[in-house]
Amino acid sequence: MIDKLATDFINKFIIEMNKIENRNRIQNEIINPLICNFSNKIFPYVTLLIIMYILNLILIITILILIIIYNKK
């Protein structure tokens, strides 16, 4: 009995989720605000990470150039 009830519930849920208006409502009211909030909170960290990576790369290139120059002397 519980199996039939669970199966019916899942089937009705899938049918409702396949309707365009329900998908749009979930997309607009749940998913988009979550993604927007997440991206707003993580953006400074990603920016900082990229800046640190670029600075690290510049430092490595500078050190390599200095090593090459001093080894030639």
PDB file of N, CA and C in Angstrom:
ATOM      1  N   MET A   1       0.819  -1.190   0.000  1.00  0.00           N
ATOM      2  CA  MET A   1       0.000   0.000   0.000  1.00  0.00           C
ATOM      3  C   MET A   1       0.870   1.265   0.000  1.00  0.00           C
ATOM      4  N   ILE A   2       1.904   1.270   0.814  1.00  0.00           N
ATOM      5  CA  ILE A   2       2.788   2.435   0.858  1.00  0.00           C
ATOM      6  C   ILE A   2       3.559   2.559  -0.453  1.00  0.00           C
ATOM      7  N   ASP A   3       3.920   1.421  -1.042  1.00  0.00           N
ATOM      8  CA  ASP A   3       4.624   1.461  -2.335  1.00  0.00           C
ATOM      9  C   ASP A   3       3.761   2.127  -3.395  1.00  0.00           C
ATOM     10  N   LYS A   4       2.484   1.750  -3.441  1.00  0.00           N
ATOM     11  CA  LYS A   4       1.579   2.347  -4.428  1.00  0.00           C
ATOM     12  C   LYS A   4       1.395   3.830  -4.167  1.00  0.00           C
ATOM     13  N   LEU A   5       1.269   4.203  -2.895  1.00  0.00           N
ATOM     14  CA  LEU A   5       1.102   5.603  -2.536  1.00  0.00           C
ATOM     15  C   LEU A   5       2.345   6.420  -2.916  1.00  0.00           C
ATOM     16  N   ALA A   6       3.519   5.884  -2.626  1.00  0.00           N
ATOM     17  CA  ALA A   6       4.766   6.575  -2.971  1.00  0.00           C
ATOM     18  C   ALA A   6       4.926   6.678  -4.479  1.00  0.00           C
ATOM     19  N   THR A   7       4.607   5.612  -5.196  1.00  0.00           N
ATOM     20  CA  THR A   7       4.714   5.622  -6.652  1.00  0.00           C
ATOM     21  C   THR A   7       3.753   6.636  -7.260  1.00  0.00           C
ATOM     22  N   ASP A   8       2.531   6.669  -6.751  1.00  0.00           N
ATOM     23  CA  ASP A   8       1.558   7.649  -7.248  1.00  0.00           C
ATOM     24  C   ASP A   8       2.024   9.075  -6.979  1.00  0.00           C
ATOM     25  N   PHE A   9       2.548   9.305  -5.784  1.00  0.00           N
ATOM     26  CA  PHE A   9       3.037  10.640  -5.431  1.00  0.00           C
ATOM     27  C   PHE A   9       4.178  11.053  -6.363  1.00  0.00           C
ATOM     28  N   ILE A  10       5.123  10.141  -6.577  1.00  0.00           N
ATOM     29  CA  ILE A  10       6.258  10.446  -7.456  1.00  0.00           C
ATOM     30  C   ILE A  10       5.791  10.712  -8.873  1.00  0.00           C
ATOM     31  N   ASN A  11       4.863   9.903  -9.371  1.00  0.00           N
ATOM     32  CA  ASN A  11       4.356  10.100 -10.733  1.00  0.00           C
ATOM     33  C   ASN A  11       3.639  11.438 -10.873  1.00  0.00           C
ATOM     34  N   LYS A  12       2.823  11.808  -9.891  1.00  0.00           N
ATOM     35  CA  LYS A  12       2.115  13.089  -9.948  1.00  0.00           C
ATOM     36  C   LYS A  12       3.113  14.248  -9.842  1.00  0.00           C
ATOM     37  N   PHE A  13       4.119  14.071  -9.007  1.00  0.00           N
ATOM     38  CA  PHE A  13       5.142  15.098  -8.880  1.00  0.00           C
ATOM     39  C   PHE A  13       5.873  15.304 -10.201  1.00  0.00           C
ATOM     40  N   ILE A  14       6.222  14.221 -10.870  1.00  0.00           N
ATOM     41  CA  ILE A  14       6.917  14.308 -12.167  1.00  0.00           C
ATOM     42  C   ILE A  14       6.024  14.974 -13.207  1.00  0.00           C
ATOM     43  N   ILE A  15       4.761  14.629 -13.216  1.00  0.00           N
ATOM     44  CA  ILE A  15       3.824  15.236 -14.171  1.00  0.00           C
ATOM     45  C   ILE A  15       3.727  16.741 -13.931  1.00  0.00           C
ATOM     46  N   GLU A  16       3.621  17.151 -12.666  1.00  0.00           N
ATOM     47  CA  GLU A  16       3.543  18.572 -12.346  1.00  0.00           C
ATOM     48  C   GLU A  16       4.845  19.304 -12.681  1.00  0.00           C
ATOM     49  N   MET A  17       5.974  18.647 -12.470  1.00  0.00           N
ATOM     50  CA  MET A  17       7.257  19.278 -12.754  1.00  0.00           C
ATOM     51  C   MET A  17       7.493  19.433 -14.255  1.00  0.00           C
ATOM     52  N   ASN A  18       6.864  18.608 -15.062  1.00  0.00           N
ATOM     53  CA  ASN A  18       7.035  18.691 -16.516  1.00  0.00           C
ATOM     54  C   ASN A  18       6.193  19.800 -17.146  1.00  0.00           C
ATOM     55  N   LYS A  19       5.318  20.411 -16.377  1.00  0.00           N
ATOM     56  CA  LYS A  19       4.521  21.516 -16.910  1.00  0.00           C
ATOM     57  C   LYS A  19       5.392  22.769 -16.990  1.00  0.00           C
ATOM     58  N   ILE A  20       5.261  23.478 -18.095  1.00  0.00           N
ATOM     59  CA  ILE A  20       6.101  24.640 -18.367  1.00  0.00           C
ATOM     60  C   ILE A  20       5.941  25.727 -17.304  1.00  0.00           C
ATOM     61  N   GLU A  21       4.706  26.016 -16.897  1.00  0.00           N
ATOM     62  CA  GLU A  21       4.504  27.093 -15.925  1.00  0.00           C
ATOM     63  C   GLU A  21       5.139  26.770 -14.571  1.00  0.00           C
ATOM     64  N   ASN A  22       5.123  25.488 -14.182  1.00  0.00           N
ATOM     65  CA  ASN A  22       5.767  25.111 -12.918  1.00  0.00           C
ATOM     66  C   ASN A  22       7.285  25.197 -13.032  1.00  0.00           C
ATOM     67  N   ARG A  23       7.820  24.778 -14.161  1.00  0.00           N
ATOM     68  CA  ARG A  23       9.270  24.882 -14.379  1.00  0.00           C
ATOM     69  C   ARG A  23       9.721  26.341 -14.334  1.00  0.00           C
ATOM     70  N   ASN A  24       8.969  27.195 -15.019  1.00  0.00           N
ATOM     71  CA  ASN A  24       9.323  28.621 -15.033  1.00  0.00           C
ATOM     72  C   ASN A  24       9.243  29.229 -13.637  1.00  0.00           C
ATOM     73  N   ARG A  25       8.238  28.847 -12.895  1.00  0.00           N
ATOM     74  CA  ARG A  25       8.091  29.387 -11.537  1.00  0.00           C
ATOM     75  C   ARG A  25       9.244  28.933 -10.643  1.00  0.00           C
ATOM     76  N   ILE A  26       9.608  27.667 -10.714  1.00  0.00           N
ATOM     77  CA  ILE A  26      10.736  27.163  -9.923  1.00  0.00           C
ATOM     78  C   ILE A  26      12.025  27.841 -10.362  1.00  0.00           C
ATOM     79  N   GLN A  27      12.190  27.984 -11.654  1.00  0.00           N
ATOM     80  CA  GLN A  27      13.390  28.635 -12.188  1.00  0.00           C
ATOM     81  C   GLN A  27      13.493  30.078 -11.708  1.00  0.00           C
ATOM     82  N   ASN A  28      12.400  30.812 -11.792  1.00  0.00           N
ATOM     83  CA  ASN A  28      12.418  32.244 -11.468  1.00  0.00           C
ATOM     84  C   ASN A  28      12.393  32.533  -9.972  1.00  0.00           C
ATOM     85  N   GLU A  29      11.751  31.687  -9.191  1.00  0.00           N
ATOM     86  CA  GLU A  29      11.576  31.982  -7.774  1.00  0.00           C
ATOM     87  C   GLU A  29      12.532  31.231  -6.852  1.00  0.00           C
ATOM     88  N   ILE A  30      13.149  30.161  -7.341  1.00  0.00           N
ATOM     89  CA  ILE A  30      14.034  29.382  -6.470  1.00  0.00           C
ATOM     90  C   ILE A  30      15.457  29.340  -7.019  1.00  0.00           C
ATOM     91  N   ILE A  31      15.614  28.858  -8.221  1.00  0.00           N
ATOM     92  CA  ILE A  31      16.956  28.600  -8.748  1.00  0.00           C
ATOM     93  C   ILE A  31      17.706  29.892  -9.048  1.00  0.00           C
ATOM     94  N   ASN A  32      17.088  30.821  -9.758  1.00  0.00           N
ATOM     95  CA  ASN A  32      17.777  32.076 -10.103  1.00  0.00           C
ATOM     96  C   ASN A  32      18.207  32.890  -8.883  1.00  0.00           C
ATOM     97  N   PRO A  33      17.348  33.069  -7.869  1.00  0.00           N
ATOM     98  CA  PRO A  33      17.826  33.801  -6.688  1.00  0.00           C
ATOM     99  C   PRO A  33      18.966  33.090  -5.958  1.00  0.00           C
ATOM    100  N   LEU A  34      18.919  31.757  -5.902  1.00  0.00           N
ATOM    101  CA  LEU A  34      20.007  31.015  -5.250  1.00  0.00           C
ATOM    102  C   LEU A  34      21.322  31.204  -5.981  1.00  0.00           C
ATOM    103  N   ILE A  35      21.283  31.081  -7.292  1.00  0.00           N
ATOM    104  CA  ILE A  35      22.503  31.233  -8.089  1.00  0.00           C
ATOM    105  C   ILE A  35      23.014  32.664  -7.996  1.00  0.00           C
ATOM    106  N   CYS A  36      22.119  33.615  -8.049  1.00  0.00           N
ATOM    107  CA  CYS A  36      22.513  35.024  -7.967  1.00  0.00           C
ATOM    108  C   CYS A  36      23.149  35.326  -6.612  1.00  0.00           C
ATOM    109  N   ASN A  37      22.548  34.853  -5.550  1.00  0.00           N
ATOM    110  CA  ASN A  37      23.079  35.072  -4.216  1.00  0.00           C
ATOM    111  C   ASN A  37      24.441  34.394  -4.055  1.00  0.00           C
ATOM    112  N   PHE A  38      24.553  33.176  -4.538  1.00  0.00           N
ATOM    113  CA  PHE A  38      25.812  32.436  -4.454  1.00  0.00           C
ATOM    114  C   PHE A  38      26.907  33.147  -5.242  1.00  0.00           C
ATOM    115  N   SER A  39      26.588  33.584  -6.445  1.00  0.00           N
ATOM    116  CA  SER A  39      27.608  34.250  -7.265  1.00  0.00           C
ATOM    117  C   SER A  39      28.015  35.595  -6.668  1.00  0.00           C
ATOM    118  N   ASN A  40      27.085  36.300  -6.057  1.00  0.00           N
ATOM    119  CA  ASN A  40      27.427  37.574  -5.414  1.00  0.00           C
ATOM    120  C   ASN A  40      28.338  37.372  -4.210  1.00  0.00           C
ATOM    121  N   LYS A  41      28.152  36.279  -3.497  1.00  0.00           N
ATOM    122  CA  LYS A  41      28.983  36.027  -2.323  1.00  0.00           C
ATOM    123  C   LYS A  41      30.347  35.472  -2.684  1.00  0.00           C
ATOM    124  N   ILE A  42      30.447  34.724  -3.767  1.00  0.00           N
ATOM    125  CA  ILE A  42      31.713  34.084  -4.104  1.00  0.00           C
ATOM    126  C   ILE A  42      32.564  34.940  -5.047  1.00  0.00           C
ATOM    127  N   PHE A  43      31.985  35.939  -5.673  1.00  0.00           N
ATOM    128  CA  PHE A  43      32.712  36.763  -6.640  1.00  0.00           C
ATOM    129  C   PHE A  43      33.977  37.394  -6.069  1.00  0.00           C
ATOM    130  N   PRO A  44      33.961  37.991  -4.870  1.00  0.00           N
ATOM    131  CA  PRO A  44      35.211  38.583  -4.352  1.00  0.00           C
ATOM    132  C   PRO A  44      36.319  37.551  -4.161  1.00  0.00           C
ATOM    133  N   TYR A  45      35.955  36.354  -3.747  1.00  0.00           N
ATOM    134  CA  TYR A  45      36.957  35.315  -3.528  1.00  0.00           C
ATOM    135  C   TYR A  45      37.565  34.838  -4.848  1.00  0.00           C
ATOM    136  N   VAL A  46      36.726  34.694  -5.852  1.00  0.00           N
ATOM    137  CA  VAL A  46      37.223  34.281  -7.164  1.00  0.00           C
ATOM    138  C   VAL A  46      38.124  35.369  -7.746  1.00  0.00           C
ATOM    139  N   THR A  47      37.732  36.613  -7.590  1.00  0.00           N
ATOM    140  CA  THR A  47      38.555  37.718  -8.071  1.00  0.00           C
ATOM    141  C   THR A  47      39.899  37.737  -7.366  1.00  0.00           C
ATOM    142  N   LEU A  48      39.888  37.582  -6.069  1.00  0.00           N
ATOM    143  CA  LEU A  48      41.128  37.544  -5.295  1.00  0.00           C
ATOM    144  C   LEU A  48      42.008  36.370  -5.724  1.00  0.00           C
ATOM    145  N   LEU A  49      41.408  35.243  -5.960  1.00  0.00           N
ATOM    146  CA  LEU A  49      42.159  34.070  -6.399  1.00  0.00           C
ATOM    147  C   LEU A  49      42.822  34.311  -7.753  1.00  0.00           C
ATOM    148  N   ILE A  50      42.120  34.915  -8.668  1.00  0.00           N
ATOM    149  CA  ILE A  50      42.680  35.208  -9.988  1.00  0.00           C
ATOM    150  C   ILE A  50      43.823  36.220  -9.879  1.00  0.00           C
ATOM    151  N   ILE A  51      43.633  37.246  -9.062  1.00  0.00           N
ATOM    152  CA  ILE A  51      44.693  38.244  -8.871  1.00  0.00           C
ATOM    153  C   ILE A  51      45.928  37.596  -8.260  1.00  0.00           C
ATOM    154  N   MET A  52      45.733  36.747  -7.272  1.00  0.00           N
ATOM    155  CA  MET A  52      46.871  36.066  -6.645  1.00  0.00           C
ATOM    156  C   MET A  52      47.577  35.150  -7.643  1.00  0.00           C
ATOM    157  N   TYR A  53      46.815  34.484  -8.482  1.00  0.00           N
ATOM    158  CA  TYR A  53      47.403  33.609  -9.493  1.00  0.00           C
ATOM    159  C   TYR A  53      48.246  34.425 -10.479  1.00  0.00           C
ATOM    160  N   ILE A  54      47.728  35.539 -10.931  1.00  0.00           N
ATOM    161  CA  ILE A  54      48.461  36.385 -11.877  1.00  0.00           C
ATOM    162  C   ILE A  54      49.730  36.931 -11.238  1.00  0.00           C
ATOM    163  N   LEU A  55      49.643  37.400 -10.004  1.00  0.00           N
ATOM    164  CA  LEU A  55      50.826  37.902  -9.305  1.00  0.00           C
ATOM    165  C   LEU A  55      51.871  36.795  -9.116  1.00  0.00           C
ATOM    166  N   ASN A  56      51.411  35.632  -8.793  1.00  0.00           N
ATOM    167  CA  ASN A  56      52.311  34.490  -8.644  1.00  0.00           C
ATOM    168  C   ASN A  56      52.995  34.166  -9.966  1.00  0.00           C
ATOM    169  N   LEU A  57      52.270  34.193 -11.041  1.00  0.00           N
ATOM    170  CA  LEU A  57      52.827  33.925 -12.358  1.00  0.00           C
ATOM    171  C   LEU A  57      53.865  34.982 -12.736  1.00  0.00           C
ATOM    172  N   ILE A  58      53.568  36.236 -12.468  1.00  0.00           N
ATOM    173  CA  ILE A  58      54.520  37.320 -12.744  1.00  0.00           C
ATOM    174  C   ILE A  58      55.787  37.133 -11.908  1.00  0.00           C
ATOM    175  N   LEU A  59      55.620  36.769 -10.667  1.00  0.00           N
ATOM    176  CA  LEU A  59      56.768  36.549  -9.794  1.00  0.00           C
ATOM    177  C   LEU A  59      57.630  35.381 -10.292  1.00  0.00           C
ATOM    178  N   ILE A  60      57.011  34.319 -10.712  1.00  0.00           N
ATOM    179  CA  ILE A  60      57.753  33.163 -11.233  1.00  0.00           C
ATOM    180  C   ILE A  60      58.522  33.538 -12.494  1.00  0.00           C
ATOM    181  N   ILE A  61      57.875  34.250 -13.397  1.00  0.00           N
ATOM    182  CA  ILE A  61      58.548  34.676 -14.633  1.00  0.00           C
ATOM    183  C   ILE A  61      59.711  35.598 -14.316  1.00  0.00           C
ATOM    184  N   THR A  62      59.513  36.519 -13.398  1.00  0.00           N
ATOM    185  CA  THR A  62      60.590  37.438 -12.999  1.00  0.00           C
ATOM    186  C   THR A  62      61.766  36.668 -12.403  1.00  0.00           C
ATOM    187  N   ILE A  63      61.508  35.736 -11.545  1.00  0.00           N
ATOM    188  CA  ILE A  63      62.573  34.940 -10.934  1.00  0.00           C
ATOM    189  C   ILE A  63      63.315  34.126 -11.996  1.00  0.00           C
ATOM    190  N   LEU A  64      62.594  33.552 -12.914  1.00  0.00           N
ATOM    191  CA  LEU A  64      63.239  32.784 -13.989  1.00  0.00           C
ATOM    192  C   LEU A  64      64.129  33.674 -14.848  1.00  0.00           C
ATOM    193  N   ILE A  65      63.658  34.844 -15.172  1.00  0.00           N
ATOM    194  CA  ILE A  65      64.461  35.781 -15.968  1.00  0.00           C
ATOM    195  C   ILE A  65      65.717  36.187 -15.203  1.00  0.00           C
ATOM    196  N   LEU A  66      65.569  36.477 -13.921  1.00  0.00           N
ATOM    197  CA  LEU A  66      66.733  36.838 -13.108  1.00  0.00           C
ATOM    198  C   LEU A  66      67.733  35.687 -13.003  1.00  0.00           C
ATOM    199  N   ILE A  67      67.262  34.492 -12.871  1.00  0.00           N
ATOM    200  CA  ILE A  67      68.165  33.328 -12.816  1.00  0.00           C
ATOM    201  C   ILE A  67      68.913  33.179 -14.133  1.00  0.00           C
ATOM    202  N   ILE A  68      68.205  33.334 -15.225  1.00  0.00           N
ATOM    203  CA  ILE A  68      68.859  33.211 -16.542  1.00  0.00           C
ATOM    204  C   ILE A  68      69.904  34.306 -16.722  1.00  0.00           C
ATOM    205  N   ILE A  69      69.582  35.522 -16.361  1.00  0.00           N
ATOM    206  CA  ILE A  69      70.520  36.648 -16.510  1.00  0.00           C
ATOM    207  C   ILE A  69      71.747  36.430 -15.639  1.00  0.00           C
ATOM    208  N   TYR A  70      71.596  36.044 -14.392  1.00  0.00           N
ATOM    209  CA  TYR A  70      72.739  35.882 -13.496  1.00  0.00           C
ATOM    210  C   TYR A  70      73.558  34.641 -13.812  1.00  0.00           C
ATOM    211  N   ASN A  71      72.979  33.652 -14.446  1.00  0.00           N
ATOM    212  CA  ASN A  71      73.737  32.468 -14.840  1.00  0.00           C
ATOM    213  C   ASN A  71      74.594  32.723 -16.077  1.00  0.00           C
ATOM    214  N   LYS A  72      74.231  33.689 -16.880  1.00  0.00           N
ATOM    215  CA  LYS A  72      74.998  34.020 -18.078  1.00  0.00           C
ATOM    216  C   LYS A  72      76.249  34.823 -17.712  1.00  0.00           C
ATOM    217  N   LYS A  73      76.265  35.482 -16.589  1.00  0.00           N
ATOM    218  CA  LYS A  73      77.398  36.328 -16.193  1.00  0.00           C
ATOM    219  C   LYS A  73      78.537  35.511 -15.660  1.00  0.00           C
TER     220      LYS A  73
END
